[in-house]
Protein backbone atom coordinates (compact mmCIF):
# COMPACT_ATOMS: atom_id res chain seq x y z
CA THR A 1 103.55 -86.61 206.60
CA LYS A 2 102.22 -86.52 203.08
CA SER A 3 103.03 -82.82 202.66
CA LYS A 4 106.64 -83.35 203.77
CA CYS A 5 107.05 -86.21 201.28
CA ILE A 6 105.80 -83.93 198.52
CA TYR A 7 108.15 -81.19 199.67
CA PHE A 8 111.20 -83.46 199.64
CA ALA A 9 110.15 -84.81 196.24
CA TYR A 10 110.18 -81.23 195.03
CA PHE A 11 113.76 -80.72 196.21
CA ASN A 12 114.82 -83.89 194.38
CA LEU A 13 113.18 -82.52 191.25
CA VAL A 14 114.96 -79.17 191.59
CA ASP A 15 118.29 -80.92 192.26
CA ASP A 16 117.86 -82.97 189.08
CA ALA A 17 117.16 -79.78 187.13
CA ARG A 18 120.14 -77.99 188.65
CA ASN A 19 122.49 -80.90 187.91
CA SER A 20 121.27 -81.00 184.33
CA ALA A 21 121.70 -77.25 184.01
CA ALA A 22 125.26 -77.51 185.32
CA GLY A 23 126.06 -79.91 182.50
CA VAL A 24 124.53 -77.63 179.89
CA TYR A 25 125.95 -74.32 181.06
CA GLY A 26 129.20 -75.41 182.63
CA GLY A 27 128.23 -74.66 186.22
CA SER A 28 125.44 -72.62 187.78
CA GLU A 29 127.85 -70.30 189.59
CA SER A 30 129.48 -68.96 186.46
CA HIS A 31 126.39 -69.11 184.27
CA PRO A 32 123.15 -68.56 186.17
CA VAL A 33 119.94 -69.67 184.53
CA PRO A 34 119.29 -66.97 181.94
CA GLU A 35 116.08 -65.27 181.07
CA GLY A 36 114.10 -65.38 177.89
CA ARG A 37 111.54 -63.07 176.23
CA ALA A 38 108.04 -62.89 173.91
CA TRP A 39 103.32 -62.06 172.48
CA SER A 40 100.31 -63.58 171.00
CA PRO A 41 96.60 -62.92 170.88
CA GLY A 42 95.01 -64.84 173.71
CA LEU A 43 98.54 -65.74 174.91
CA GLY A 44 99.44 -67.37 171.59
CA LEU A 45 99.56 -70.87 173.05
CA TYR A 46 100.95 -73.79 171.11
CA HIS A 47 98.44 -76.59 171.17
CA GLY A 48 100.86 -79.30 172.21
CA ASP A 49 100.18 -82.54 173.98
CA LEU A 50 99.47 -81.32 177.52
CA GLN A 51 98.97 -84.87 178.76
CA ASN A 52 102.56 -85.72 177.80
CA ASN A 53 103.78 -82.64 179.68
CA GLN A 54 101.89 -83.72 182.77
CA LYS A 55 103.32 -87.26 182.53
CA ASN A 56 106.86 -85.88 182.37
CA PHE A 57 106.47 -84.15 185.74
CA PRO A 58 103.13 -84.59 187.51
CA ALA A 59 101.91 -81.42 189.21
CA LEU A 60 102.59 -81.10 192.92
CA CYS A 61 99.94 -78.42 193.13
CA THR A 62 97.69 -76.75 190.56
CA VAL A 63 95.86 -73.42 190.58
CA ALA A 64 92.63 -75.32 191.19
CA ASP A 65 94.13 -76.71 194.43
CA VAL A 66 94.92 -73.26 195.87
CA THR A 67 92.49 -71.87 198.42
CA LEU A 68 92.69 -68.10 198.57
CA PRO A 69 91.25 -65.95 201.39
CA ASP A 70 88.53 -63.35 200.84
CA SER A 71 89.32 -60.01 199.22
CA ASN A 72 89.68 -58.14 202.53
CA SER A 73 92.22 -60.64 203.85
CA LEU A 74 94.15 -60.59 200.59
CA GLN A 75 94.30 -56.78 200.61
CA ASN A 76 95.47 -56.92 204.22
CA PHE A 77 98.20 -59.35 203.17
CA HIS A 78 99.28 -56.98 200.39
CA THR A 79 99.54 -54.12 202.88
CA LYS A 80 101.79 -56.16 205.18
CA CYS A 81 104.05 -57.67 202.52
CA SER A 82 104.70 -54.52 200.50
CA GLN A 83 106.88 -51.53 201.27
CA THR A 84 105.17 -48.50 202.74
CA ALA A 85 104.92 -45.38 200.58
CA SER A 86 107.50 -43.61 202.77
CA GLU A 87 109.97 -46.53 202.44
CA LYS A 88 109.60 -46.55 198.66
CA LYS A 89 110.08 -42.78 198.51
CA TRP A 90 113.21 -42.86 200.69
CA GLU A 91 114.77 -45.73 198.75
CA GLY A 92 114.00 -44.11 195.39
CA GLU A 93 115.45 -40.75 196.41
CA PHE A 94 118.54 -42.42 197.87
CA LEU A 95 119.25 -44.49 194.74
CA ASP A 96 118.66 -41.50 192.46
CA GLY A 97 121.08 -39.36 194.46
CA PHE A 98 123.73 -42.07 194.66
CA ALA A 99 123.47 -42.92 190.95
CA ASP A 100 123.81 -39.25 190.02
CA ASP A 101 126.94 -38.91 192.16
CA LEU A 102 128.47 -42.14 190.84
CA LEU A 103 127.86 -41.29 187.18
CA GLU A 104 129.35 -37.82 187.59
CA ALA A 105 132.53 -39.46 188.85
CA MET A 106 132.42 -41.95 185.95
CA ARG A 107 132.21 -39.08 183.45
CA SER A 108 135.25 -37.38 184.97
CA ILE A 109 137.20 -40.64 184.62
CA ASN A 110 136.16 -41.03 180.99
CA VAL A 111 137.42 -37.53 180.19
CA LYS A 112 140.90 -38.65 181.27
CA ARG A 113 140.86 -42.26 179.99
CA GLY A 114 138.63 -41.98 176.96
CA GLY A 115 135.70 -44.29 176.35
CA MET A 116 132.02 -44.08 175.68
CA VAL A 117 130.00 -40.93 176.42
CA ILE A 118 127.77 -41.53 179.45
CA GLY A 119 124.28 -40.00 179.34
CA ASP A 120 121.71 -39.28 182.04
CA PHE A 121 120.50 -42.34 183.94
CA GLN A 122 116.89 -43.49 184.16
CA ARG A 123 115.39 -45.57 186.98
CA ILE A 124 112.93 -47.78 185.11
CA ASN A 125 111.60 -49.52 188.21
CA ARG A 126 112.20 -49.58 191.93
CA ARG A 127 115.69 -51.11 191.80
CA GLU A 128 116.80 -51.00 188.19
CA ILE A 129 118.80 -48.14 186.70
CA ILE A 130 119.76 -47.91 183.04
CA VAL A 131 122.67 -45.78 181.86
CA PRO A 132 122.56 -44.83 178.15
CA PHE A 133 125.91 -44.43 176.42
CA THR A 134 126.99 -43.28 172.98
CA PRO A 135 130.34 -43.44 171.17
CA PRO A 136 132.59 -40.37 170.87
CA GLU A 137 132.61 -38.42 167.62
CA PRO A 138 132.93 -39.19 164.75
CA TYR A 139 131.34 -42.54 165.63
CA SER A 140 127.65 -43.36 166.08
CA PHE A 141 125.40 -46.40 166.56
CA GLN A 142 122.93 -48.12 164.25
CA CYS A 143 120.59 -50.65 165.91
CA PHE A 144 119.14 -53.70 164.15
CA LEU A 145 116.33 -55.84 165.59
CA SER A 146 116.68 -59.59 165.09
CA ASN A 147 114.04 -61.64 166.87
CA ASN A 148 114.16 -64.85 164.85
CA GLN A 149 114.55 -67.18 167.81
CA THR A 150 115.94 -70.04 165.73
CA SER A 151 118.88 -67.92 164.58
CA TYR A 152 120.52 -67.25 167.93
CA SER A 153 121.19 -68.88 171.27
CA SER A 154 118.18 -70.32 173.07
CA GLN A 155 119.12 -68.20 176.09
CA MET A 156 118.49 -64.89 174.36
CA GLN A 157 115.33 -62.84 174.57
CA ALA A 158 114.30 -60.56 171.70
CA CYS A 159 117.63 -59.21 170.59
CA GLY A 160 119.57 -57.30 168.02
CA GLN A 161 122.98 -56.05 166.97
CA ILE A 162 124.51 -52.61 167.37
CA LYS A 163 126.71 -51.50 164.50
CA VAL A 164 129.39 -48.87 165.08
CA VAL A 165 129.67 -46.53 162.09
CA GLU A 166 132.05 -43.67 161.39
CA LYS A 167 131.48 -40.43 159.53
CA ILE A 168 134.44 -39.67 157.26
CA ARG A 169 135.17 -36.83 154.85
CA ASN A 170 135.06 -37.51 151.15
CA GLN A 171 138.55 -37.03 149.76
CA ASN A 172 138.71 -34.86 146.60
CA GLY A 173 142.47 -34.51 146.41
CA CYS A 174 142.61 -31.22 148.29
CA PRO A 175 144.54 -31.26 151.61
CA CYS A 176 141.75 -29.22 153.24
CA GLN A 177 139.50 -32.26 153.06
CA SER A 178 141.75 -34.36 155.26
CA SER A 179 140.63 -35.23 158.79
CA ASN A 180 143.39 -33.12 160.41
CA ALA A 181 142.81 -29.97 158.36
CA ASP A 182 140.67 -28.06 160.86
CA ASP A 183 143.24 -25.24 161.20
CA MET A 184 144.01 -25.02 157.49
CA VAL A 185 142.95 -22.05 155.32
CA CYS A 186 142.09 -23.15 151.77
CA LEU A 187 141.95 -20.63 148.88
CA LEU A 188 139.98 -23.05 146.67
CA HIS A 189 137.27 -24.08 149.12
CA GLY A 190 135.75 -21.36 151.29
CA ASP A 191 134.70 -21.75 154.92
CA ASN A 192 131.03 -21.72 153.91
CA GLU A 193 131.42 -24.60 151.49
CA LYS A 194 129.99 -27.76 153.03
CA VAL A 195 132.39 -30.58 153.63
CA LYS A 196 130.93 -33.74 152.13
CA THR A 197 130.97 -36.79 154.36
CA GLN A 198 129.95 -40.41 154.14
CA THR A 199 129.06 -43.00 156.78
CA VAL A 200 131.04 -46.24 156.75
CA ASP A 201 131.23 -49.31 158.97
CA ALA A 202 133.83 -48.86 161.69
CA CYS A 203 135.46 -52.29 161.57
CA ASP A 204 137.61 -52.68 164.67
CA GLY A 205 136.07 -49.46 165.98
CA PRO A 206 135.91 -48.64 169.72
CA PHE A 207 134.68 -51.64 171.75
CA CYS A 208 133.79 -53.64 168.61
CA HIS A 209 133.89 -57.41 168.36
CA GLU A 210 137.15 -58.32 166.64
CA ARG A 211 137.29 -57.69 162.90
CA THR A 212 133.63 -56.58 162.81
CA PRO A 213 131.78 -53.27 163.17
CA PHE A 214 129.43 -54.73 165.81
CA LEU A 215 129.54 -53.61 169.43
CA SER A 216 130.89 -56.24 171.83
CA LYS A 217 129.00 -57.03 175.05
CA SER A 218 132.11 -58.28 176.82
CA HIS A 219 134.17 -55.17 175.95
CA ILE A 220 131.40 -52.82 177.13
CA SER A 221 130.80 -54.87 180.27
CA ARG A 222 134.49 -54.70 181.25
CA TRP A 223 134.65 -50.97 180.49
CA PHE A 224 131.51 -50.21 182.51
CA GLN A 225 132.49 -52.29 185.53
CA SER A 226 136.04 -50.94 185.68
CA THR A 227 134.76 -47.37 185.39
CA ILE A 228 132.26 -47.92 188.22
CA LYS A 229 135.02 -49.30 190.47
CA LEU A 230 137.30 -46.34 189.76
CA ALA A 231 134.42 -43.91 190.30
CA TRP A 232 133.52 -45.53 193.63
CA GLY A 233 137.14 -45.12 194.69
CA LEU A 234 136.77 -41.37 194.09
CA ILE A 235 133.56 -40.87 196.09
CA SER A 236 133.54 -43.68 198.68
CA HIS A 237 134.86 -41.35 201.41
CA LYS A 238 131.55 -39.46 201.25
CA TYR A 239 129.43 -42.49 202.20
CA GLN A 240 129.19 -44.68 205.27
CA PHE A 241 128.47 -47.96 203.53
CA GLU A 242 130.18 -50.62 201.41
CA LEU A 243 129.53 -51.18 197.71
CA SER A 244 130.05 -54.65 196.22
CA PHE A 245 129.55 -56.19 192.79
CA CYS A 246 127.38 -59.33 192.75
CA SER A 247 127.22 -59.96 188.98
CA ILE A 248 127.73 -58.10 185.72
CA ASP A 249 124.94 -55.62 186.47
CA VAL A 250 124.01 -56.02 190.17
CA LEU A 251 125.42 -53.75 192.87
CA THR A 252 124.80 -54.23 196.60
CA ILE A 253 124.98 -51.47 199.19
CA ARG A 254 125.62 -52.66 202.76
CA PHE A 255 124.96 -50.16 205.52
CA ARG A 256 126.64 -50.35 208.93
CA SER A 257 123.23 -51.17 210.45
CA GLY A 258 123.17 -54.45 208.47
CA LYS A 259 120.52 -53.24 206.03
CA LYS A 260 121.38 -53.83 202.39
CA ILE A 261 119.96 -52.71 199.06
CA SER A 262 120.70 -54.62 195.85
CA PHE A 263 119.98 -52.85 192.58
CA LYS A 264 120.82 -53.19 188.91
CA MET A 265 122.82 -50.62 186.99
CA LYS A 266 123.03 -51.45 183.28
CA PRO A 267 124.82 -49.78 180.39
CA VAL A 268 122.32 -49.55 177.52
CA VAL A 269 122.03 -48.33 173.95
CA LYS A 270 118.77 -46.47 173.35
CA SER A 271 116.62 -47.17 170.29
CA ASN A 272 113.58 -44.89 170.41
CA GLU A 273 112.04 -45.61 173.84
CA ALA A 274 113.39 -49.17 173.81
CA HIS A 275 116.94 -50.09 174.74
CA PHE A 276 119.49 -52.83 174.17
CA SER A 277 121.24 -54.11 177.29
CA ILE A 278 123.59 -56.82 178.54
CA THR A 279 122.25 -59.87 180.38
CA PRO A 280 124.22 -62.87 181.70
CA TRP A 281 125.12 -65.08 178.74
CA PRO A 282 126.70 -68.52 178.21
CA SER A 283 130.26 -68.54 176.90
CA ASN A 284 129.13 -69.87 173.51
CA ASP A 285 126.65 -67.01 172.97
CA PRO A 286 127.44 -64.50 170.19
CA ASP A 287 129.26 -61.57 171.75
CA SER A 288 127.55 -59.08 169.42
CA LEU A 289 123.92 -59.99 170.24
CA TRP A 290 122.29 -57.59 172.72
CA THR A 291 119.03 -58.13 174.61
CA LEU A 292 116.14 -55.85 173.63
CA SER A 293 114.06 -54.38 176.46
CA LEU A 294 110.68 -52.70 175.98
CA THR A 295 110.28 -51.82 179.67
CA THR A 296 109.48 -48.17 178.94
CA TYR A 297 106.70 -49.15 176.53
CA GLU A 298 105.39 -51.72 179.02
CA GLU A 299 105.17 -49.00 181.68
CA GLN A 300 103.34 -46.77 179.20
CA LEU A 301 100.86 -49.59 178.61
CA LEU A 302 100.30 -49.98 182.36
CA GLN A 303 99.72 -46.23 182.69
CA HIS A 304 97.26 -46.38 179.79
CA PHE A 305 95.24 -49.10 181.53
CA SER A 306 95.39 -47.28 184.88
CA LYS A 307 93.40 -44.42 183.33
CA GLN A 308 90.67 -46.81 182.13
CA LEU A 309 90.33 -49.06 185.18
CA PRO A 310 87.98 -48.45 188.14
CA GLU A 311 89.12 -46.29 191.04
CA ASN A 312 91.54 -48.14 193.35
CA SER A 313 91.79 -50.96 190.79
CA CYS A 314 93.50 -54.14 191.97
CA HIS A 315 95.83 -54.81 189.02
CA LEU A 316 99.04 -53.61 190.69
CA GLU A 317 98.14 -55.33 193.96
CA VAL A 318 97.67 -58.60 192.06
CA LEU A 319 101.11 -58.29 190.46
CA GLU A 320 102.84 -57.30 193.71
CA ILE A 321 101.28 -60.23 195.61
CA ALA A 322 102.37 -62.69 192.93
CA LEU A 323 105.90 -61.26 192.88
CA PHE A 324 106.13 -61.40 196.67
CA LEU A 325 105.12 -65.08 196.70
CA HIS A 326 107.62 -65.76 193.91
CA ARG A 327 110.45 -64.07 195.87
CA ARG A 328 109.55 -65.93 199.06
CA GLN A 329 109.71 -69.21 197.16
CA LYS A 330 113.13 -68.27 195.76
CA ALA A 331 114.28 -67.54 199.31
CA LEU A 332 113.18 -71.05 200.31
CA THR A 333 114.37 -73.14 197.37
CA GLY A 334 116.79 -71.06 195.30
CA SER A 335 116.75 -69.35 191.92
CA SER A 336 114.36 -70.36 189.19
CA ALA A 337 114.01 -70.17 185.42
CA LEU A 338 110.69 -68.44 186.14
CA LYS A 339 111.45 -64.71 186.35
CA GLU A 340 109.63 -61.63 187.60
CA PHE A 341 109.04 -60.27 184.10
CA HIS A 342 107.06 -63.44 183.29
CA PHE A 343 104.50 -62.43 185.93
CA LYS A 344 104.38 -58.87 184.60
CA THR A 345 103.84 -60.24 181.09
CA ALA A 346 100.97 -62.41 182.33
CA LEU A 347 99.35 -59.34 183.93
CA LEU A 348 99.63 -57.35 180.69
CA HIS A 349 97.93 -60.18 178.80
CA LEU A 350 95.09 -60.15 181.33
CA LEU A 351 94.72 -56.38 181.06
CA LEU A 352 94.58 -56.66 177.27
CA SER A 353 91.95 -59.41 177.36
CA LYS A 354 89.64 -58.49 180.26
CA ASP A 355 87.00 -55.78 180.56
CA PRO A 356 88.26 -52.85 182.68
CA ALA A 357 85.22 -53.25 184.95
CA GLN A 358 86.62 -56.60 186.13
CA TRP A 359 89.46 -54.96 188.04
CA LYS A 360 87.55 -53.46 190.96
CA PRO A 361 89.14 -53.74 194.44
CA ASN A 362 86.90 -56.65 195.45
CA ASP A 363 87.93 -58.57 192.29
CA ILE A 364 91.45 -59.09 193.65
CA VAL A 365 90.93 -62.79 194.47
CA SER A 366 89.57 -63.68 191.03
CA ARG A 367 92.24 -61.71 189.19
CA LEU A 368 95.08 -63.24 191.25
CA ARG A 369 93.75 -66.69 190.40
CA ASP A 370 93.55 -65.64 186.73
CA LEU A 371 97.19 -64.54 186.84
CA PHE A 372 98.19 -67.90 188.31
CA ARG A 373 96.23 -69.68 185.55
CA VAL A 374 98.03 -67.73 182.82
CA ILE A 375 101.41 -68.76 184.24
CA GLU A 376 100.28 -72.36 184.76
CA THR A 377 98.89 -72.74 181.22
CA SER A 378 101.89 -70.99 179.68
CA LEU A 379 104.27 -73.33 181.50
CA GLU A 380 102.31 -76.37 180.32
CA ASN A 381 102.51 -75.15 176.72
CA LYS A 382 106.00 -73.62 177.05
CA VAL A 383 104.68 -70.43 175.45
CA LEU A 384 104.36 -66.94 176.89
CA ASN A 385 104.51 -64.34 174.15
CA HIS A 386 105.61 -60.77 174.68
CA PRO A 387 102.49 -58.56 174.80
CA LEU A 388 103.97 -55.89 172.49
CA VAL A 389 106.36 -57.50 169.99
CA GLY A 390 104.45 -58.67 166.93
CA ASN A 391 101.15 -57.36 168.28
CA PRO A 392 99.63 -54.76 165.91
CA SER A 393 96.61 -54.15 168.16
CA THR A 394 98.27 -52.84 171.34
CA ALA A 395 96.54 -49.97 173.12
CA ILE A 396 99.56 -47.66 172.76
CA GLU A 397 101.50 -46.44 169.74
CA LEU A 398 104.66 -48.43 169.00
CA PRO A 399 107.30 -48.21 166.26
CA ALA A 400 106.44 -50.42 163.28
CA GLU A 401 109.67 -52.37 163.73
CA PHE A 402 108.17 -53.88 166.91
CA THR A 403 104.53 -54.35 165.89
CA LYS A 404 105.46 -55.91 162.53
CA ALA A 405 108.10 -58.20 164.00
CA LYS A 406 107.48 -61.88 164.63
CA PRO A 407 106.04 -62.72 168.08
CA VAL A 408 108.75 -63.50 170.63
CA ASN A 409 108.25 -66.42 173.02
CA LEU A 410 109.53 -65.57 176.49
CA PHE A 411 109.50 -69.29 177.33
CA HIS A 412 111.66 -70.23 174.34
CA PRO A 413 114.51 -71.40 176.64
CA LEU A 414 112.05 -73.84 178.25
CA VAL A 415 111.32 -75.31 174.82
CA VAL A 416 115.00 -75.96 174.14
CA HIS A 417 116.12 -77.07 177.62
CA GLU A 418 113.83 -79.50 179.44
CA CYS A 419 115.82 -79.03 182.65
CA MET A 420 114.82 -75.35 182.71
CA HIS A 421 111.20 -76.29 182.07
CA ARG A 422 111.24 -78.75 184.95
CA ASN A 423 112.84 -76.15 187.21
CA ALA A 424 110.29 -73.44 186.36
CA ALA A 425 107.30 -75.78 186.67
CA ALA A 426 108.47 -77.21 190.00
CA HIS A 427 109.15 -73.74 191.39
CA PHE A 428 105.70 -72.49 190.41
CA GLN A 429 103.89 -75.57 191.71
CA GLU A 430 105.65 -75.33 195.06
CA MET A 431 104.89 -71.60 195.17
CA LEU A 432 101.21 -72.42 194.72
CA ARG A 433 101.37 -75.03 197.47
CA ASN A 434 102.87 -72.50 199.90
CA THR A 435 100.62 -69.59 198.90
CA ARG A 436 97.94 -69.96 201.56
CA LEU A 437 100.53 -70.85 204.19
CA ILE A 438 102.47 -67.62 203.60
CA ILE A 439 99.34 -65.47 203.39
CA ASP A 440 98.03 -66.86 206.67
CA ASP A 441 101.38 -66.31 208.39
CA TYR A 442 101.56 -62.67 207.30
CA THR A 443 97.98 -61.91 208.30
CA SER A 444 97.94 -63.87 211.56
CA GLU A 445 98.23 -61.70 214.69
CA SER A 446 100.38 -64.33 216.40
CA THR A 447 103.14 -64.10 213.74
CA GLN A 448 103.22 -60.41 212.97
CA ASN A 449 106.72 -59.97 214.41
CA ASP A 450 108.46 -62.29 211.94
CA PRO A 451 106.08 -64.01 209.51
CA HIS A 452 108.94 -65.27 207.33
CA GLU A 453 110.47 -67.20 210.25
CA ALA A 454 107.03 -68.60 211.06
CA THR A 455 106.70 -69.84 207.48
CA LEU A 456 110.08 -71.59 207.65
CA ARG A 457 109.13 -73.30 210.92
CA ARG A 458 105.87 -74.60 209.46
CA LEU A 459 107.64 -75.90 206.35
């Protein structure tokens, strides 16, 4: 049939993109397609030649082709495809308790082995935990934002460097000023006299990139992973499940019942409410460049809008439906250069641009279509700017270093690597084509037992 031909054409397109990516990154297994990050007023679109983009890979399906059900049916779909409140509560409490236990064991290991000082964890979304760390005294961190996207690897999002500095005593010739003079009694300098210190770069300091004062991602990644493994060895007897490591920051819990929970646990360096973290990187990427995340500020922006929107507003339902469709498509056709944070970014742009009154519960169909249009247009133009970086008119207060920075294009990797652009566009177009099919399967009484299997049969 015509639909099957289109579907197989899509797989050929994805295969081409994957083969190209393998040549660029040296194999998709070792270097998965990375993410990118970025803002602009009205989405900050480049006015490129859209017709040329469409000639390069004609659309399999556009937003205009998608037929969505009425608002009641769409809300019913959301209810069936999302976790119940009790499931979310149980999972959140379980992960919080497990993370607390694991980090306590990691701290006890660090006391014996030395290493970074591990702070209190924070669960920034349903399945992502960040673990702040700081260096031991007399060292400290200084963070520097660098979001000039032409100056670093095309795979990086907004990023920066973390300098390790050391506080040393000024030497004045008196032995009491030496670093090991804590137990010395000096007749010239009393106990109340302040010891003068200065801050210097700690070249070859703890976990620094060789011959520099900048913190190394690879050193920290190895330290964090090895500490987690040792900590799990200490506490595993208390739990009736297996813990495995899927990538540099993903852990998977497998229960005896067969149920599994995958979650991220990342070591991060805090900078105000933002943080620098480690993401998968190609081997030729600078080891001292860390990815900047503004997730906490993004959540603050969502909370700000929630107070202004109508009662039972549909904005979170719209995002959760789009993310569910995106995940279902990944389950069918594999990973994509289009990531979940791209959909969240599109929603934030819509919230910044639309009147709050346009987010009533019965507006869910129109707003979901709007979200799809933002992604579609951004893919055509290869531009999706971060809603906060370089945006002086955000609805929440941000540090000047972020609002005065240059806008950061989250689709910058798609500009540099056409194979990633083709992959993301094909994934999204196929997701659109399957949207009504999946919605109907989840809301149909005849397929309530296993709607995902029903979808696979129909495809």
